[in-house]
Amino acid sequence: MNLVALLIGLGPLIGWGLFPTITSKFGGKPVNQIIGATVGTLIFAFVFFISTGHGFPTGMDL
């Protein structure tokens, strides 16, 4: 199995699994959980994009 595919699959799983738990510990509302999951996934995607050096898909690839 490709390591890149594994990271892509596990990144959102870990983010969406941890953010609601962490937010509820601090007394956050469901809106905070959704925003946290979205921002966490965006940060993970940006770090992954920078670290792997893959180009952004354009044209028919997108």
PDB file of N, CA and C in Angstrom:
ATOM      1  N   MET A   1       0.844  -1.179   0.000  1.00  0.00           N
ATOM      2  CA  MET A   1       0.000   0.000   0.000  1.00  0.00           C
ATOM      3  C   MET A   1       0.889   1.241   0.000  1.00  0.00           C
ATOM      4  N   ASN A   2       0.455   2.231  -0.715  1.00  0.00           N
ATOM      5  CA  ASN A   2       1.200   3.470  -0.843  1.00  0.00           C
ATOM      6  C   ASN A   2       1.073   4.292   0.446  1.00  0.00           C
ATOM      7  N   LEU A   3       2.185   4.780   0.966  1.00  0.00           N
ATOM      8  CA  LEU A   3       2.193   5.557   2.201  1.00  0.00           C
ATOM      9  C   LEU A   3       1.429   6.865   2.039  1.00  0.00           C
ATOM     10  N   VAL A   4       1.515   7.477   0.870  1.00  0.00           N
ATOM     11  CA  VAL A   4       0.806   8.729   0.625  1.00  0.00           C
ATOM     12  C   VAL A   4      -0.705   8.497   0.698  1.00  0.00           C
ATOM     13  N   ALA A   5      -1.181   7.436   0.104  1.00  0.00           N
ATOM     14  CA  ALA A   5      -2.607   7.128   0.149  1.00  0.00           C
ATOM     15  C   ALA A   5      -3.062   6.846   1.576  1.00  0.00           C
ATOM     16  N   LEU A   6      -2.220   6.200   2.342  1.00  0.00           N
ATOM     17  CA  LEU A   6      -2.546   5.924   3.737  1.00  0.00           C
ATOM     18  C   LEU A   6      -2.644   7.213   4.546  1.00  0.00           C
ATOM     19  N   LEU A   7      -1.719   8.136   4.339  1.00  0.00           N
ATOM     20  CA  LEU A   7      -1.764   9.415   5.043  1.00  0.00           C
ATOM     21  C   LEU A   7      -2.989  10.230   4.652  1.00  0.00           C
ATOM     22  N   ILE A   8      -3.338  10.217   3.392  1.00  0.00           N
ATOM     23  CA  ILE A   8      -4.524  10.940   2.931  1.00  0.00           C
ATOM     24  C   ILE A   8      -5.777  10.352   3.584  1.00  0.00           C
ATOM     25  N   GLY A   9      -5.822   9.049   3.723  1.00  0.00           N
ATOM     26  CA  GLY A   9      -6.979   8.415   4.330  1.00  0.00           C
ATOM     27  C   GLY A   9      -7.060   8.600   5.832  1.00  0.00           C
ATOM     28  N   LEU A  10      -5.929   8.591   6.511  1.00  0.00           N
ATOM     29  CA  LEU A  10      -5.938   8.676   7.969  1.00  0.00           C
ATOM     30  C   LEU A  10      -5.967  10.109   8.498  1.00  0.00           C
ATOM     31  N   GLY A  11      -5.541  11.075   7.712  1.00  0.00           N
ATOM     32  CA  GLY A  11      -5.520  12.462   8.170  1.00  0.00           C
ATOM     33  C   GLY A  11      -6.878  12.975   8.624  1.00  0.00           C
ATOM     34  N   PRO A  12      -7.877  12.953   7.755  1.00  0.00           N
ATOM     35  CA  PRO A  12      -9.201  13.412   8.187  1.00  0.00           C
ATOM     36  C   PRO A  12      -9.806  12.531   9.283  1.00  0.00           C
ATOM     37  N   LEU A  13      -9.515  11.250   9.253  1.00  0.00           N
ATOM     38  CA  LEU A  13     -10.038  10.345  10.278  1.00  0.00           C
ATOM     39  C   LEU A  13      -9.549  10.751  11.662  1.00  0.00           C
ATOM     40  N   ILE A  14      -8.268  11.044  11.755  1.00  0.00           N
ATOM     41  CA  ILE A  14      -7.698  11.460  13.039  1.00  0.00           C
ATOM     42  C   ILE A  14      -8.229  12.839  13.426  1.00  0.00           C
ATOM     43  N   GLY A  15      -8.275  13.757  12.471  1.00  0.00           N
ATOM     44  CA  GLY A  15      -8.762  15.112  12.761  1.00  0.00           C
ATOM     45  C   GLY A  15     -10.210  15.131  13.191  1.00  0.00           C
ATOM     46  N   TRP A  16     -11.072  14.447  12.447  1.00  0.00           N
ATOM     47  CA  TRP A  16     -12.492  14.443  12.777  1.00  0.00           C
ATOM     48  C   TRP A  16     -12.772  13.648  14.044  1.00  0.00           C
ATOM     49  N   GLY A  17     -11.889  12.728  14.380  1.00  0.00           N
ATOM     50  CA  GLY A  17     -12.074  11.955  15.598  1.00  0.00           C
ATOM     51  C   GLY A  17     -11.604  12.690  16.841  1.00  0.00           C
ATOM     52  N   LEU A  18     -10.558  13.485  16.725  1.00  0.00           N
ATOM     53  CA  LEU A  18     -10.005  14.159  17.904  1.00  0.00           C
ATOM     54  C   LEU A  18     -10.639  15.511  18.209  1.00  0.00           C
ATOM     55  N   PHE A  19     -10.980  16.281  17.197  1.00  0.00           N
ATOM     56  CA  PHE A  19     -11.472  17.626  17.454  1.00  0.00           C
ATOM     57  C   PHE A  19     -12.763  17.661  18.274  1.00  0.00           C
ATOM     58  N   PRO A  20     -13.775  16.837  17.974  1.00  0.00           N
ATOM     59  CA  PRO A  20     -14.976  16.884  18.831  1.00  0.00           C
ATOM     60  C   PRO A  20     -14.683  16.498  20.277  1.00  0.00           C
ATOM     61  N   THR A  21     -13.790  15.550  20.482  1.00  0.00           N
ATOM     62  CA  THR A  21     -13.441  15.137  21.839  1.00  0.00           C
ATOM     63  C   THR A  21     -12.713  16.253  22.579  1.00  0.00           C
ATOM     64  N   ILE A  22     -11.757  16.871  21.929  1.00  0.00           N
ATOM     65  CA  ILE A  22     -11.005  17.958  22.556  1.00  0.00           C
ATOM     66  C   ILE A  22     -11.908  19.159  22.802  1.00  0.00           C
ATOM     67  N   THR A  23     -12.780  19.473  21.842  1.00  0.00           N
ATOM     68  CA  THR A  23     -13.667  20.624  21.990  1.00  0.00           C
ATOM     69  C   THR A  23     -14.652  20.419  23.131  1.00  0.00           C
ATOM     70  N   SER A  24     -15.175  19.221  23.276  1.00  0.00           N
ATOM     71  CA  SER A  24     -16.120  18.973  24.367  1.00  0.00           C
ATOM     72  C   SER A  24     -15.441  19.053  25.729  1.00  0.00           C
ATOM     73  N   LYS A  25     -14.154  18.730  25.806  1.00  0.00           N
ATOM     74  CA  LYS A  25     -13.410  18.852  27.068  1.00  0.00           C
ATOM     75  C   LYS A  25     -13.298  20.313  27.499  1.00  0.00           C
ATOM     76  N   PHE A  26     -13.200  21.230  26.515  1.00  0.00           N
ATOM     77  CA  PHE A  26     -13.085  22.646  26.815  1.00  0.00           C
ATOM     78  C   PHE A  26     -14.441  23.346  26.863  1.00  0.00           C
ATOM     79  N   GLY A  27     -15.520  22.595  26.679  1.00  0.00           N
ATOM     80  CA  GLY A  27     -16.859  23.189  26.736  1.00  0.00           C
ATOM     81  C   GLY A  27     -17.286  23.868  25.457  1.00  0.00           C
ATOM     82  N   GLY A  28     -16.800  23.397  24.322  1.00  0.00           N
ATOM     83  CA  GLY A  28     -17.143  24.008  23.042  1.00  0.00           C
ATOM     84  C   GLY A  28     -18.507  23.586  22.551  1.00  0.00           C
ATOM     85  N   LYS A  29     -19.065  24.389  21.680  1.00  0.00           N
ATOM     86  CA  LYS A  29     -20.363  24.115  21.074  1.00  0.00           C
ATOM     87  C   LYS A  29     -20.146  23.305  19.795  1.00  0.00           C
ATOM     88  N   PRO A  30     -21.219  22.717  19.245  1.00  0.00           N
ATOM     89  CA  PRO A  30     -21.065  21.974  17.980  1.00  0.00           C
ATOM     90  C   PRO A  30     -20.504  22.815  16.840  1.00  0.00           C
ATOM     91  N   VAL A  31     -20.811  24.112  16.827  1.00  0.00           N
ATOM     92  CA  VAL A  31     -20.264  24.979  15.784  1.00  0.00           C
ATOM     93  C   VAL A  31     -18.739  25.024  15.895  1.00  0.00           C
ATOM     94  N   ASN A  32     -18.220  25.081  17.123  1.00  0.00           N
ATOM     95  CA  ASN A  32     -16.774  25.077  17.318  1.00  0.00           C
ATOM     96  C   ASN A  32     -16.159  23.761  16.842  1.00  0.00           C
ATOM     97  N   GLN A  33     -16.875  22.668  17.015  1.00  0.00           N
ATOM     98  CA  GLN A  33     -16.374  21.369  16.573  1.00  0.00           C
ATOM     99  C   GLN A  33     -16.260  21.321  15.056  1.00  0.00           C
ATOM    100  N   ILE A  34     -17.265  21.843  14.370  1.00  0.00           N
ATOM    101  CA  ILE A  34     -17.251  21.830  12.902  1.00  0.00           C
ATOM    102  C   ILE A  34     -16.122  22.716  12.370  1.00  0.00           C
ATOM    103  N   ILE A  35     -15.988  23.904  12.943  1.00  0.00           N
ATOM    104  CA  ILE A  35     -14.925  24.810  12.504  1.00  0.00           C
ATOM    105  C   ILE A  35     -13.560  24.208  12.807  1.00  0.00           C
ATOM    106  N   GLY A  36     -13.408  23.588  13.965  1.00  0.00           N
ATOM    107  CA  GLY A  36     -12.140  22.959  14.323  1.00  0.00           C
ATOM    108  C   GLY A  36     -11.775  21.824  13.388  1.00  0.00           C
ATOM    109  N   ALA A  37     -12.762  21.005  13.034  1.00  0.00           N
ATOM    110  CA  ALA A  37     -12.493  19.902  12.116  1.00  0.00           C
ATOM    111  C   ALA A  37     -12.113  20.422  10.736  1.00  0.00           C
ATOM    112  N   THR A  38     -12.772  21.478  10.298  1.00  0.00           N
ATOM    113  CA  THR A  38     -12.475  22.054   8.992  1.00  0.00           C
ATOM    114  C   THR A  38     -11.078  22.670   8.961  1.00  0.00           C
ATOM    115  N   VAL A  39     -10.750  23.448   9.975  1.00  0.00           N
ATOM    116  CA  VAL A  39      -9.439  24.085  10.030  1.00  0.00           C
ATOM    117  C   VAL A  39      -8.330  23.043  10.186  1.00  0.00           C
ATOM    118  N   GLY A  40      -8.580  22.015  10.999  1.00  0.00           N
ATOM    119  CA  GLY A  40      -7.588  20.954  11.173  1.00  0.00           C
ATOM    120  C   GLY A  40      -7.311  20.206   9.882  1.00  0.00           C
ATOM    121  N   THR A  41      -8.351  19.919   9.129  1.00  0.00           N
ATOM    122  CA  THR A  41      -8.175  19.243   7.851  1.00  0.00           C
ATOM    123  C   THR A  41      -7.442  20.146   6.853  1.00  0.00           C
ATOM    124  N   LEU A  42      -7.754  21.430   6.871  1.00  0.00           N
ATOM    125  CA  LEU A  42      -7.076  22.374   5.982  1.00  0.00           C
ATOM    126  C   LEU A  42      -5.592  22.480   6.318  1.00  0.00           C
ATOM    127  N   ILE A  43      -5.257  22.532   7.597  1.00  0.00           N
ATOM    128  CA  ILE A  43      -3.850  22.596   8.010  1.00  0.00           C
ATOM    129  C   ILE A  43      -3.121  21.319   7.604  1.00  0.00           C
ATOM    130  N   PHE A  44      -3.753  20.168   7.831  1.00  0.00           N
ATOM    131  CA  PHE A  44      -3.142  18.897   7.444  1.00  0.00           C
ATOM    132  C   PHE A  44      -2.903  18.851   5.938  1.00  0.00           C
ATOM    133  N   ALA A  45      -3.886  19.298   5.159  1.00  0.00           N
ATOM    134  CA  ALA A  45      -3.750  19.276   3.701  1.00  0.00           C
ATOM    135  C   ALA A  45      -2.636  20.208   3.236  1.00  0.00           C
ATOM    136  N   PHE A  46      -2.523  21.374   3.868  1.00  0.00           N
ATOM    137  CA  PHE A  46      -1.482  22.319   3.486  1.00  0.00           C
ATOM    138  C   PHE A  46      -0.095  21.769   3.817  1.00  0.00           C
ATOM    139  N   VAL A  47       0.066  21.196   4.995  1.00  0.00           N
ATOM    140  CA  VAL A  47       1.363  20.614   5.382  1.00  0.00           C
ATOM    141  C   VAL A  47       1.705  19.443   4.465  1.00  0.00           C
ATOM    142  N   PHE A  48       0.728  18.636   4.141  1.00  0.00           N
ATOM    143  CA  PHE A  48       0.944  17.508   3.237  1.00  0.00           C
ATOM    144  C   PHE A  48       1.354  18.000   1.851  1.00  0.00           C
ATOM    145  N   PHE A  49       0.690  19.048   1.377  1.00  0.00           N
ATOM    146  CA  PHE A  49       0.995  19.619   0.064  1.00  0.00           C
ATOM    147  C   PHE A  49       2.419  20.141   0.024  1.00  0.00           C
ATOM    148  N   ILE A  50       2.843  20.836   1.072  1.00  0.00           N
ATOM    149  CA  ILE A  50       4.195  21.397   1.126  1.00  0.00           C
ATOM    150  C   ILE A  50       5.243  20.288   1.258  1.00  0.00           C
ATOM    151  N   SER A  51       4.967  19.288   2.080  1.00  0.00           N
ATOM    152  CA  SER A  51       5.981  18.270   2.366  1.00  0.00           C
ATOM    153  C   SER A  51       6.178  17.269   1.233  1.00  0.00           C
ATOM    154  N   THR A  52       5.150  16.986   0.451  1.00  0.00           N
ATOM    155  CA  THR A  52       5.299  15.990  -0.609  1.00  0.00           C
ATOM    156  C   THR A  52       5.763  16.585  -1.929  1.00  0.00           C
ATOM    157  N   GLY A  53       5.498  17.858  -2.147  1.00  0.00           N
ATOM    158  CA  GLY A  53       5.925  18.498  -3.390  1.00  0.00           C
ATOM    159  C   GLY A  53       5.041  18.178  -4.581  1.00  0.00           C
ATOM    160  N   HIS A  54       3.879  17.578  -4.344  1.00  0.00           N
ATOM    161  CA  HIS A  54       2.949  17.324  -5.447  1.00  0.00           C
ATOM    162  C   HIS A  54       2.347  18.638  -5.912  1.00  0.00           C
ATOM    163  N   GLY A  55       2.126  18.757  -7.203  1.00  0.00           N
ATOM    164  CA  GLY A  55       1.509  19.957  -7.746  1.00  0.00           C
ATOM    165  C   GLY A  55       0.004  19.933  -7.576  1.00  0.00           C
ATOM    166  N   PHE A  56      -0.604  21.101  -7.610  1.00  0.00           N
ATOM    167  CA  PHE A  56      -2.062  21.198  -7.533  1.00  0.00           C
ATOM    168  C   PHE A  56      -2.662  20.728  -8.845  1.00  0.00           C
ATOM    169  N   PRO A  57      -3.691  19.866  -8.799  1.00  0.00           N
ATOM    170  CA  PRO A  57      -4.271  19.376 -10.053  1.00  0.00           C
ATOM    171  C   PRO A  57      -4.983  20.505 -10.797  1.00  0.00           C
ATOM    172  N   THR A  58      -4.801  20.521 -12.099  1.00  0.00           N
ATOM    173  CA  THR A  58      -5.438  21.535 -12.931  1.00  0.00           C
ATOM    174  C   THR A  58      -6.113  20.878 -14.122  1.00  0.00           C
ATOM    175  N   GLY A  59      -6.980  21.603 -14.779  1.00  0.00           N
ATOM    176  CA  GLY A  59      -7.620  21.138 -15.993  1.00  0.00           C
ATOM    177  C   GLY A  59      -8.434  19.869 -15.785  1.00  0.00           C
ATOM    178  N   MET A  60      -8.203  18.879 -16.604  1.00  0.00           N
ATOM    179  CA  MET A  60      -8.970  17.638 -16.535  1.00  0.00           C
ATOM    180  C   MET A  60      -8.630  16.814 -15.295  1.00  0.00           C
ATOM    181  N   ASP A  61      -7.445  17.007 -14.713  1.00  0.00           N
ATOM    182  CA  ASP A  61      -7.085  16.281 -13.499  1.00  0.00           C
ATOM    183  C   ASP A  61      -7.935  16.723 -12.309  1.00  0.00           C
ATOM    184  N   LEU A  62      -8.300  17.998 -12.314  1.00  0.00           N
ATOM    185  CA  LEU A  62      -9.089  18.529 -11.206  1.00  0.00           C
ATOM    186  C   LEU A  62     -10.505  18.044 -11.303  1.00  0.00           C
TER     187      LEU A  62
END
